[in-house]
Amino acid sequence: DARFARLGGIHRNTFINSPRLLDDRMRLKSRP
């Protein structure tokens, strides 16, 4: 008999290729 305050959903989760793009100070190599 459950009532739902929120139903589940799905979304696109974008991320960058950090090992290639960032330096060890977390800066974008092409734009520090």
PDB file of all heavy atoms in Angstrom:
ATOM      1  N   ASP A   1       0.833  -1.208   0.000  1.00  0.00           N
ATOM      2  CA  ASP A   1       0.000   0.000   0.000  1.00  0.00           C
ATOM      3  C   ASP A   1       0.868   1.258   0.000  1.00  0.00           C
ATOM      4  O   ASP A   1       0.405   2.342   0.399  1.00  0.00           O
ATOM      5  CB  ASP A   1      -0.922   0.010   1.226  1.00  0.00           C
ATOM      6  CG  ASP A   1      -1.878  -1.171   1.240  1.00  0.00           C
ATOM      7  OD1 ASP A   1      -2.458  -1.465   0.176  1.00  0.00           O
ATOM      8  OD2 ASP A   1      -2.030  -1.802   2.307  1.00  0.00           O
ATOM      9  N   ALA A   2       2.103   1.127  -0.431  1.00  0.00           N
ATOM     10  CA  ALA A   2       3.057   2.242  -0.348  1.00  0.00           C
ATOM     11  C   ALA A   2       2.592   3.455  -1.143  1.00  0.00           C
ATOM     12  O   ALA A   2       2.062   3.334  -2.242  1.00  0.00           O
ATOM     13  CB  ALA A   2       4.430   1.792  -0.841  1.00  0.00           C
ATOM     14  N   ARG A   3       2.821   4.622  -0.536  1.00  0.00           N
ATOM     15  CA  ARG A   3       2.666   5.900  -1.229  1.00  0.00           C
ATOM     16  C   ARG A   3       4.060   6.502  -1.393  1.00  0.00           C
ATOM     17  O   ARG A   3       4.879   6.434  -0.478  1.00  0.00           O
ATOM     18  CB  ARG A   3       1.758   6.841  -0.451  1.00  0.00           C
ATOM     19  CG  ARG A   3       0.303   6.386  -0.399  1.00  0.00           C
ATOM     20  CD  ARG A   3      -0.577   7.355   0.386  1.00  0.00           C
ATOM     21  NE  ARG A   3      -0.278   7.327   1.818  1.00  0.00           N
ATOM     22  CZ  ARG A   3       0.336   8.286   2.472  1.00  0.00           C
ATOM     23  NH1 ARG A   3       0.727   9.381   1.843  1.00  0.00           N
ATOM     24  NH2 ARG A   3       0.572   8.186   3.767  1.00  0.00           N
ATOM     25  N   PHE A   4       4.312   7.094  -2.539  1.00  0.00           N
ATOM     26  CA  PHE A   4       5.660   7.529  -2.873  1.00  0.00           C
ATOM     27  C   PHE A   4       5.773   9.054  -2.860  1.00  0.00           C
ATOM     28  O   PHE A   4       5.017   9.746  -3.534  1.00  0.00           O
ATOM     29  CB  PHE A   4       6.065   6.989  -4.248  1.00  0.00           C
ATOM     30  CG  PHE A   4       6.121   5.485  -4.289  1.00  0.00           C
ATOM     31  CD1 PHE A   4       5.014   4.738  -4.673  1.00  0.00           C
ATOM     32  CD2 PHE A   4       7.274   4.804  -3.910  1.00  0.00           C
ATOM     33  CE1 PHE A   4       5.053   3.348  -4.701  1.00  0.00           C
ATOM     34  CE2 PHE A   4       7.325   3.424  -3.925  1.00  0.00           C
ATOM     35  CZ  PHE A   4       6.216   2.695  -4.319  1.00  0.00           C
ATOM     36  N   ALA A   5       6.734   9.542  -2.067  1.00  0.00           N
ATOM     37  CA  ALA A   5       7.022  10.976  -2.061  1.00  0.00           C
ATOM     38  C   ALA A   5       7.810  11.360  -3.297  1.00  0.00           C
ATOM     39  O   ALA A   5       7.733  12.505  -3.763  1.00  0.00           O
ATOM     40  CB  ALA A   5       7.816  11.342  -0.805  1.00  0.00           C
ATOM     41  N   ARG A   6       8.592  10.416  -3.807  1.00  0.00           N
ATOM     42  CA  ARG A   6       9.347  10.629  -5.039  1.00  0.00           C
ATOM     43  C   ARG A   6       9.593   9.281  -5.683  1.00  0.00           C
ATOM     44  O   ARG A   6      10.003   8.332  -5.008  1.00  0.00           O
ATOM     45  CB  ARG A   6      10.692  11.304  -4.751  1.00  0.00           C
ATOM     46  CG  ARG A   6      11.493  11.622  -6.010  1.00  0.00           C
ATOM     47  CD  ARG A   6      12.901  12.092  -5.688  1.00  0.00           C
ATOM     48  NE  ARG A   6      13.732  10.994  -5.210  1.00  0.00           N
ATOM     49  CZ  ARG A   6      14.953  11.150  -4.710  1.00  0.00           C
ATOM     50  NH1 ARG A   6      15.452  12.357  -4.598  1.00  0.00           N
ATOM     51  NH2 ARG A   6      15.648  10.109  -4.299  1.00  0.00           N
ATOM     52  N   LEU A   7       9.320   9.193  -6.962  1.00  0.00           N
ATOM     53  CA  LEU A   7       9.641   7.969  -7.679  1.00  0.00           C
ATOM     54  C   LEU A   7      11.057   8.050  -8.232  1.00  0.00           C
ATOM     55  O   LEU A   7      11.671   9.116  -8.270  1.00  0.00           O
ATOM     56  CB  LEU A   7       8.624   7.739  -8.797  1.00  0.00           C
ATOM     57  CG  LEU A   7       7.239   7.315  -8.293  1.00  0.00           C
ATOM     58  CD1 LEU A   7       6.200   7.440  -9.397  1.00  0.00           C
ATOM     59  CD2 LEU A   7       7.265   5.900  -7.736  1.00  0.00           C
ATOM     60  N   GLY A   8      11.597   6.912  -8.620  1.00  0.00           N
ATOM     61  CA  GLY A   8      12.957   6.870  -9.133  1.00  0.00           C
ATOM     62  C   GLY A   8      13.070   7.532 -10.489  1.00  0.00           C
ATOM     63  O   GLY A   8      12.078   7.793 -11.176  1.00  0.00           O
ATOM     64  N   GLY A   9      14.281   7.808 -10.872  1.00  0.00           N
ATOM     65  CA  GLY A   9      14.522   8.439 -12.168  1.00  0.00           C
ATOM     66  C   GLY A   9      15.911   8.113 -12.665  1.00  0.00           C
ATOM     67  O   GLY A   9      16.686   7.437 -11.992  1.00  0.00           O
ATOM     68  N   ILE A  10      16.244   8.620 -13.825  1.00  0.00           N
ATOM     69  CA  ILE A  10      17.545   8.348 -14.413  1.00  0.00           C
ATOM     70  C   ILE A  10      18.017   9.588 -15.156  1.00  0.00           C
ATOM     71  O   ILE A  10      17.205  10.316 -15.734  1.00  0.00           O
ATOM     72  CB  ILE A  10      17.473   7.137 -15.360  1.00  0.00           C
ATOM     73  CG1 ILE A  10      18.865   6.710 -15.780  1.00  0.00           C
ATOM     74  CG2 ILE A  10      16.588   7.390 -16.546  1.00  0.00           C
ATOM     75  CD1 ILE A  10      18.889   5.318 -16.395  1.00  0.00           C
ATOM     76  N   HIS A  11      19.291   9.887 -15.059  1.00  0.00           N
ATOM     77  CA  HIS A  11      19.797  11.046 -15.753  1.00  0.00           C
ATOM     78  C   HIS A  11      21.208  10.805 -16.283  1.00  0.00           C
ATOM     79  O   HIS A  11      21.917   9.932 -15.825  1.00  0.00           O
ATOM     80  CB  HIS A  11      19.782  12.290 -14.863  1.00  0.00           C
ATOM     81  CG  HIS A  11      20.587  12.164 -13.611  1.00  0.00           C
ATOM     82  ND1 HIS A  11      20.056  11.712 -12.426  1.00  0.00           N
ATOM     83  CD2 HIS A  11      21.889  12.422 -13.355  1.00  0.00           C
ATOM     84  CE1 HIS A  11      20.992  11.710 -11.498  1.00  0.00           C
ATOM     85  NE2 HIS A  11      22.119  12.139 -12.030  1.00  0.00           N
ATOM     86  N   ARG A  12      21.564  11.607 -17.234  1.00  0.00           N
ATOM     87  CA  ARG A  12      22.877  11.513 -17.848  1.00  0.00           C
ATOM     88  C   ARG A  12      23.899  12.159 -16.923  1.00  0.00           C
ATOM     89  O   ARG A  12      23.683  13.251 -16.411  1.00  0.00           O
ATOM     90  CB  ARG A  12      22.850  12.215 -19.206  1.00  0.00           C
ATOM     91  CG  ARG A  12      24.080  11.982 -20.067  1.00  0.00           C
ATOM     92  CD  ARG A  12      23.791  12.482 -21.482  1.00  0.00           C
ATOM     93  NE  ARG A  12      24.877  12.158 -22.398  1.00  0.00           N
ATOM     94  CZ  ARG A  12      25.843  13.005 -22.710  1.00  0.00           C
ATOM     95  NH1 ARG A  12      25.876  14.189 -22.169  1.00  0.00           N
ATOM     96  NH2 ARG A  12      26.784  12.648 -23.571  1.00  0.00           N
ATOM     97  N   ASN A  13      24.996  11.508 -16.711  1.00  0.00           N
ATOM     98  CA  ASN A  13      26.020  11.994 -15.794  1.00  0.00           C
ATOM     99  C   ASN A  13      27.299  12.216 -16.593  1.00  0.00           C
ATOM    100  O   ASN A  13      27.943  11.271 -17.031  1.00  0.00           O
ATOM    101  CB  ASN A  13      26.250  10.948 -14.691  1.00  0.00           C
ATOM    102  CG  ASN A  13      27.150  11.472 -13.595  1.00  0.00           C
ATOM    103  OD1 ASN A  13      27.892  12.425 -13.789  1.00  0.00           O
ATOM    104  ND2 ASN A  13      27.091  10.836 -12.455  1.00  0.00           N
ATOM    105  N   THR A  14      27.636  13.474 -16.831  1.00  0.00           N
ATOM    106  CA  THR A  14      28.800  13.777 -17.661  1.00  0.00           C
ATOM    107  C   THR A  14      30.044  13.985 -16.806  1.00  0.00           C
ATOM    108  O   THR A  14      29.978  14.486 -15.691  1.00  0.00           O
ATOM    109  CB  THR A  14      28.554  15.042 -18.495  1.00  0.00           C
ATOM    110  OG1 THR A  14      28.209  16.110 -17.622  1.00  0.00           O
ATOM    111  CG2 THR A  14      27.435  14.831 -19.489  1.00  0.00           C
ATOM    112  N   PHE A  15      31.181  13.590 -17.359  1.00  0.00           N
ATOM    113  CA  PHE A  15      32.458  13.820 -16.688  1.00  0.00           C
ATOM    114  C   PHE A  15      33.538  13.936 -17.737  1.00  0.00           C
ATOM    115  O   PHE A  15      33.400  13.434 -18.868  1.00  0.00           O
ATOM    116  CB  PHE A  15      32.767  12.700 -15.700  1.00  0.00           C
ATOM    117  CG  PHE A  15      32.913  11.339 -16.324  1.00  0.00           C
ATOM    118  CD1 PHE A  15      34.153  10.831 -16.642  1.00  0.00           C
ATOM    119  CD2 PHE A  15      31.791  10.561 -16.596  1.00  0.00           C
ATOM    120  CE1 PHE A  15      34.291   9.574 -17.225  1.00  0.00           C
ATOM    121  CE2 PHE A  15      31.913   9.307 -17.170  1.00  0.00           C
ATOM    122  CZ  PHE A  15      33.169   8.809 -17.480  1.00  0.00           C
ATOM    123  N   ILE A  16      34.623  14.601 -17.377  1.00  0.00           N
ATOM    124  CA  ILE A  16      35.720  14.800 -18.319  1.00  0.00           C
ATOM    125  C   ILE A  16      36.770  13.709 -18.144  1.00  0.00           C
ATOM    126  O   ILE A  16      36.805  13.022 -17.121  1.00  0.00           O
ATOM    127  CB  ILE A  16      36.365  16.185 -18.135  1.00  0.00           C
ATOM    128  CG1 ILE A  16      36.990  16.310 -16.734  1.00  0.00           C
ATOM    129  CG2 ILE A  16      35.358  17.299 -18.379  1.00  0.00           C
ATOM    130  CD1 ILE A  16      37.813  17.573 -16.541  1.00  0.00           C
ATOM    131  N   ASN A  17      37.628  13.580 -19.117  1.00  0.00           N
ATOM    132  CA  ASN A  17      38.724  12.617 -19.037  1.00  0.00           C
ATOM    133  C   ASN A  17      39.868  13.277 -18.270  1.00  0.00           C
ATOM    134  O   ASN A  17      40.861  13.738 -18.841  1.00  0.00           O
ATOM    135  CB  ASN A  17      39.169  12.208 -20.446  1.00  0.00           C
ATOM    136  CG  ASN A  17      40.085  10.994 -20.413  1.00  0.00           C
ATOM    137  OD1 ASN A  17      40.925  10.859 -19.542  1.00  0.00           O
ATOM    138  ND2 ASN A  17      39.911  10.110 -21.374  1.00  0.00           N
ATOM    139  N   SER A  18      39.718  13.334 -16.953  1.00  0.00           N
ATOM    140  CA  SER A  18      40.655  14.075 -16.106  1.00  0.00           C
ATOM    141  C   SER A  18      42.109  13.646 -16.237  1.00  0.00           C
ATOM    142  O   SER A  18      43.001  14.502 -16.241  1.00  0.00           O
ATOM    143  CB  SER A  18      40.205  13.987 -14.647  1.00  0.00           C
ATOM    144  OG  SER A  18      38.991  14.674 -14.467  1.00  0.00           O
ATOM    145  N   PRO A  19      42.421  12.331 -16.329  1.00  0.00           N
ATOM    146  CA  PRO A  19      43.845  11.966 -16.419  1.00  0.00           C
ATOM    147  C   PRO A  19      44.547  12.579 -17.633  1.00  0.00           C
ATOM    148  O   PRO A  19      45.756  12.810 -17.601  1.00  0.00           O
ATOM    149  CB  PRO A  19      43.800  10.434 -16.534  1.00  0.00           C
ATOM    150  CG  PRO A  19      42.515  10.044 -15.903  1.00  0.00           C
ATOM    151  CD  PRO A  19      41.564  11.151 -16.243  1.00  0.00           C
ATOM    152  N   ARG A  20      43.791  12.855 -18.674  1.00  0.00           N
ATOM    153  CA  ARG A  20      44.382  13.449 -19.875  1.00  0.00           C
ATOM    154  C   ARG A  20      44.328  14.958 -19.858  1.00  0.00           C
ATOM    155  O   ARG A  20      45.213  15.632 -20.405  1.00  0.00           O
ATOM    156  CB  ARG A  20      43.659  12.925 -21.122  1.00  0.00           C
ATOM    157  CG  ARG A  20      44.303  13.346 -22.424  1.00  0.00           C
ATOM    158  CD  ARG A  20      43.691  12.627 -23.612  1.00  0.00           C
ATOM    159  NE  ARG A  20      42.280  12.936 -23.783  1.00  0.00           N
ATOM    160  CZ  ARG A  20      41.827  14.045 -24.380  1.00  0.00           C
ATOM    161  NH1 ARG A  20      42.679  14.948 -24.808  1.00  0.00           N
ATOM    162  NH2 ARG A  20      40.539  14.238 -24.529  1.00  0.00           N
ATOM    163  N   LEU A  21      43.314  15.524 -19.184  1.00  0.00           N
ATOM    164  CA  LEU A  21      43.049  16.957 -19.316  1.00  0.00           C
ATOM    165  C   LEU A  21      43.560  17.809 -18.168  1.00  0.00           C
ATOM    166  O   LEU A  21      43.808  19.006 -18.341  1.00  0.00           O
ATOM    167  CB  LEU A  21      41.542  17.191 -19.472  1.00  0.00           C
ATOM    168  CG  LEU A  21      40.878  16.542 -20.682  1.00  0.00           C
ATOM    169  CD1 LEU A  21      39.369  16.737 -20.614  1.00  0.00           C
ATOM    170  CD2 LEU A  21      41.440  17.118 -21.966  1.00  0.00           C
ATOM    171  N   LEU A  22      43.702  17.235 -16.959  1.00  0.00           N
ATOM    172  CA  LEU A  22      44.047  18.035 -15.779  1.00  0.00           C
ATOM    173  C   LEU A  22      45.476  17.783 -15.313  1.00  0.00           C
ATOM    174  O   LEU A  22      45.988  16.664 -15.433  1.00  0.00           O
ATOM    175  CB  LEU A  22      43.092  17.713 -14.621  1.00  0.00           C
ATOM    176  CG  LEU A  22      41.595  17.906 -14.862  1.00  0.00           C
ATOM    177  CD1 LEU A  22      40.829  17.631 -13.574  1.00  0.00           C
ATOM    178  CD2 LEU A  22      41.291  19.307 -15.385  1.00  0.00           C
ATOM    179  N   ASP A  23      46.096  18.837 -14.739  1.00  0.00           N
ATOM    180  CA  ASP A  23      47.386  18.635 -14.089  1.00  0.00           C
ATOM    181  C   ASP A  23      47.158  18.266 -12.625  1.00  0.00           C
ATOM    182  O   ASP A  23      46.002  18.157 -12.172  1.00  0.00           O
ATOM    183  CB  ASP A  23      48.288  19.870 -14.238  1.00  0.00           C
ATOM    184  CG  ASP A  23      47.788  21.097 -13.482  1.00  0.00           C
ATOM    185  OD1 ASP A  23      46.909  20.960 -12.597  1.00  0.00           O
ATOM    186  OD2 ASP A  23      48.291  22.208 -13.758  1.00  0.00           O
ATOM    187  N   ASP A  24      48.240  18.061 -11.873  1.00  0.00           N
ATOM    188  CA  ASP A  24      48.065  17.575 -10.505  1.00  0.00           C
ATOM    189  C   ASP A  24      47.576  18.649  -9.544  1.00  0.00           C
ATOM    190  O   ASP A  24      47.347  18.373  -8.370  1.00  0.00           O
ATOM    191  CB  ASP A  24      49.354  16.932  -9.980  1.00  0.00           C
ATOM    192  CG  ASP A  24      50.513  17.921  -9.867  1.00  0.00           C
ATOM    193  OD1 ASP A  24      50.349  19.092 -10.263  1.00  0.00           O
ATOM    194  OD2 ASP A  24      51.584  17.506  -9.384  1.00  0.00           O
ATOM    195  N   ARG A  25      47.403  19.896 -10.020  1.00  0.00           N
ATOM    196  CA  ARG A  25      46.756  20.961  -9.233  1.00  0.00           C
ATOM    197  C   ARG A  25      45.305  21.136  -9.661  1.00  0.00           C
ATOM    198  O   ARG A  25      44.676  22.116  -9.342  1.00  0.00           O
ATOM    199  CB  ARG A  25      47.511  22.269  -9.386  1.00  0.00           C
ATOM    200  CG  ARG A  25      48.601  22.551  -8.351  1.00  0.00           C
ATOM    201  CD  ARG A  25      49.704  21.564  -8.348  1.00  0.00           C
ATOM    202  NE  ARG A  25      50.833  21.995  -7.510  1.00  0.00           N
ATOM    203  CZ  ARG A  25      51.908  21.266  -7.299  1.00  0.00           C
ATOM    204  NH1 ARG A  25      52.015  20.062  -7.866  1.00  0.00           N
ATOM    205  NH2 ARG A  25      52.890  21.703  -6.527  1.00  0.00           N
ATOM    206  N   MET A  26      44.798  20.172 -10.440  1.00  0.00           N
ATOM    207  CA  MET A  26      43.403  20.128 -10.881  1.00  0.00           C
ATOM    208  C   MET A  26      43.075  21.204 -11.907  1.00  0.00           C
ATOM    209  O   MET A  26      41.916  21.537 -12.127  1.00  0.00           O
ATOM    210  CB  MET A  26      42.452  20.192  -9.683  1.00  0.00           C
ATOM    211  CG  MET A  26      42.729  19.115  -8.646  1.00  0.00           C
ATOM    212  SD  MET A  26      41.731  19.222  -7.169  1.00  0.00           S
ATOM    213  CE  MET A  26      40.139  18.714  -7.806  1.00  0.00           C
ATOM    214  N   ARG A  27      44.129  21.747 -12.552  1.00  0.00           N
ATOM    215  CA  ARG A  27      43.946  22.786 -13.564  1.00  0.00           C
ATOM    216  C   ARG A  27      43.815  22.160 -14.953  1.00  0.00           C
ATOM    217  O   ARG A  27      44.459  21.153 -15.259  1.00  0.00           O
ATOM    218  CB  ARG A  27      45.124  23.752 -13.551  1.00  0.00           C
ATOM    219  CG  ARG A  27      45.264  24.542 -12.263  1.00  0.00           C
ATOM    220  CD  ARG A  27      46.533  25.367 -12.240  1.00  0.00           C
ATOM    221  NE  ARG A  27      47.734  24.518 -12.257  1.00  0.00           N
ATOM    222  CZ  ARG A  27      48.891  24.874 -11.723  1.00  0.00           C
ATOM    223  NH1 ARG A  27      49.027  26.046 -11.120  1.00  0.00           N
ATOM    224  NH2 ARG A  27      49.924  24.059 -11.794  1.00  0.00           N
ATOM    225  N   LEU A  28      42.992  22.794 -15.792  1.00  0.00           N
ATOM    226  CA  LEU A  28      42.880  22.378 -17.179  1.00  0.00           C
ATOM    227  C   LEU A  28      44.197  22.723 -17.871  1.00  0.00           C
ATOM    228  O   LEU A  28      44.614  23.891 -17.876  1.00  0.00           O
ATOM    229  CB  LEU A  28      41.696  23.093 -17.839  1.00  0.00           C
ATOM    230  CG  LEU A  28      41.270  22.630 -19.223  1.00  0.00           C
ATOM    231  CD1 LEU A  28      40.831  21.176 -19.210  1.00  0.00           C
ATOM    232  CD2 LEU A  28      40.148  23.530 -19.742  1.00  0.00           C
ATOM    233  N   LYS A  29      44.857  21.733 -18.425  1.00  0.00           N
ATOM    234  CA  LYS A  29      46.187  21.956 -19.007  1.00  0.00           C
ATOM    235  C   LYS A  29      46.167  23.022 -20.091  1.00  0.00           C
ATOM    236  O   LYS A  29      47.103  23.823 -20.215  1.00  0.00           O
ATOM    237  CB  LYS A  29      46.737  20.641 -19.563  1.00  0.00           C
ATOM    238  CG  LYS A  29      47.052  19.609 -18.494  1.00  0.00           C
ATOM    239  CD  LYS A  29      47.492  18.285 -19.123  1.00  0.00           C
ATOM    240  CE  LYS A  29      47.723  17.223 -18.060  1.00  0.00           C
ATOM    241  NZ  LYS A  29      48.094  15.909 -18.656  1.00  0.00           N
ATOM    242  N   SER A  30      45.106  23.059 -20.884  1.00  0.00           N
ATOM    243  CA  SER A  30      45.027  24.032 -21.976  1.00  0.00           C
ATOM    244  C   SER A  30      44.649  25.429 -21.494  1.00  0.00           C
ATOM    245  O   SER A  30      44.890  26.419 -22.198  1.00  0.00           O
ATOM    246  CB  SER A  30      44.020  23.564 -23.028  1.00  0.00           C
ATOM    247  OG  SER A  30      42.712  23.486 -22.475  1.00  0.00           O
ATOM    248  N   ARG A  31      44.054  25.516 -20.303  1.00  0.00           N
ATOM    249  CA  ARG A  31      43.683  26.814 -19.717  1.00  0.00           C
ATOM    250  C   ARG A  31      43.906  26.733 -18.205  1.00  0.00           C
ATOM    251  O   ARG A  31      42.969  26.470 -17.439  1.00  0.00           O
ATOM    252  CB  ARG A  31      42.217  27.138 -19.993  1.00  0.00           C
ATOM    253  CG  ARG A  31      41.903  27.407 -21.444  1.00  0.00           C
ATOM    254  CD  ARG A  31      40.624  28.204 -21.532  1.00  0.00           C
ATOM    255  NE  ARG A  31      40.121  28.312 -22.879  1.00  0.00           N
ATOM    256  CZ  ARG A  31      39.111  29.090 -23.225  1.00  0.00           C
ATOM    257  NH1 ARG A  31      38.491  29.817 -22.310  1.00  0.00           N
ATOM    258  NH2 ARG A  31      38.696  29.147 -24.479  1.00  0.00           N
ATOM    259  N   PRO A  32      45.114  26.962 -17.740  1.00  0.00           N
ATOM    260  CA  PRO A  32      45.434  26.747 -16.317  1.00  0.00           C
ATOM    261  C   PRO A  32      44.763  27.710 -15.350  1.00  0.00           C
ATOM    262  O   PRO A  32      44.904  27.537 -14.140  1.00  0.00           O
ATOM    263  CB  PRO A  32      46.959  26.879 -16.289  1.00  0.00           C
ATOM    264  CG  PRO A  32      47.340  27.569 -17.550  1.00  0.00           C
ATOM    265  CD  PRO A  32      46.300  27.234 -18.552  1.00  0.00           C
TER     266      PRO A  32
END
